[in-house]
Amino acid sequence: MRLKKAGEAAAVAGKPLTKHTLSQVESKLGSDFAVDFGTKYPSKVVGDAVAVATKMHAKYKAQFASCAPAEL
């Protein structure tokens, strides 16, 4: 939702959505998640933790490719 708002704001301003803006949105989301203690995000496992972790890994692994070893 935050990314959509950032994209819409850029479109209204007639500017492209930049990598810098995307990075800011991702950083804010990560920060909010790290410091929120049960008000927005669950503090206990909801559903199958392995299935959730597998899905998240598949979705976000490309963003962390530079941190991973060449082969696992």
Protein backbone atom coordinates (compact mmCIF):
# COMPACT_ATOMS: atom_id res chain seq x y z
CA MET A 1 0.00 0.00 0.00
CA ARG A 2 2.83 2.40 0.81
CA LEU A 3 4.50 1.67 -2.51
CA LYS A 4 1.22 2.29 -4.32
CA LYS A 5 0.87 5.66 -2.59
CA ALA A 6 4.46 6.57 -3.44
CA GLY A 7 3.87 5.61 -7.08
CA GLU A 8 0.66 7.60 -7.25
CA ALA A 9 2.36 10.65 -5.71
CA ALA A 10 5.15 10.42 -8.27
CA ALA A 11 2.63 10.08 -11.11
CA VAL A 12 0.65 13.11 -9.92
CA ALA A 13 3.90 15.10 -9.78
CA GLY A 14 4.76 13.89 -13.29
CA LYS A 15 7.90 12.15 -12.06
CA PRO A 16 9.06 8.53 -12.20
CA LEU A 17 9.09 6.31 -9.14
CA THR A 18 12.80 6.21 -8.34
CA LYS A 19 14.90 3.48 -6.76
CA HIS A 20 15.62 5.92 -3.95
CA THR A 21 11.90 6.30 -3.18
CA LEU A 22 11.42 2.53 -3.37
CA SER A 23 14.32 2.07 -0.96
CA GLN A 24 12.78 4.61 1.44
CA VAL A 25 9.43 2.79 1.37
CA GLU A 26 11.08 -0.58 2.01
CA SER A 27 13.24 0.85 4.77
CA LYS A 28 10.25 2.42 6.54
CA LEU A 29 8.31 -0.84 6.32
CA GLY A 30 11.25 -2.80 7.73
CA SER A 31 11.73 -0.31 10.53
CA ASP A 32 8.04 -0.32 11.44
CA PHE A 33 8.03 -4.12 11.48
CA ALA A 34 11.13 -4.28 13.68
CA VAL A 35 9.83 -1.92 16.34
CA ASP A 36 6.13 -2.80 16.35
CA PHE A 37 5.33 -5.08 19.25
CA GLY A 38 2.01 -6.68 18.43
CA THR A 39 -0.11 -3.74 17.37
CA LYS A 40 0.15 -3.96 13.56
CA TYR A 41 1.99 -7.20 13.02
CA PRO A 42 1.39 -10.48 14.85
CA SER A 43 3.83 -11.30 17.62
CA LYS A 44 2.93 -15.00 17.54
CA VAL A 45 3.00 -17.44 14.67
CA VAL A 46 -0.15 -17.41 12.55
CA GLY A 47 -0.59 -20.54 10.46
CA ASP A 48 2.23 -22.79 9.26
CA ALA A 49 5.51 -20.99 10.05
CA VAL A 50 7.53 -23.12 7.59
CA ALA A 51 5.08 -22.43 4.75
CA VAL A 52 5.14 -18.69 5.50
CA ALA A 53 8.95 -18.63 5.67
CA THR A 54 9.23 -20.59 2.41
CA LYS A 55 6.84 -18.20 0.65
CA MET A 56 8.65 -15.13 1.99
CA HIS A 57 12.03 -16.55 0.98
CA ALA A 58 10.82 -17.19 -2.55
CA LYS A 59 9.32 -13.70 -2.79
CA TYR A 60 12.26 -11.70 -1.40
CA LYS A 61 15.37 -13.79 -2.13
CA ALA A 62 16.33 -11.67 -5.15
CA GLN A 63 16.62 -8.58 -2.96
CA PHE A 64 19.22 -10.32 -0.83
CA ALA A 65 21.17 -12.07 -3.57
CA SER A 66 24.25 -9.96 -2.91
CA CYS A 67 24.31 -11.20 0.70
CA ALA A 68 24.02 -14.89 -0.13
CA PRO A 69 26.83 -17.29 -1.00
CA ALA A 70 27.17 -18.11 -4.70
CA GLU A 71 25.91 -21.66 -4.15
CA LEU A 72 24.04 -23.25 -1.30
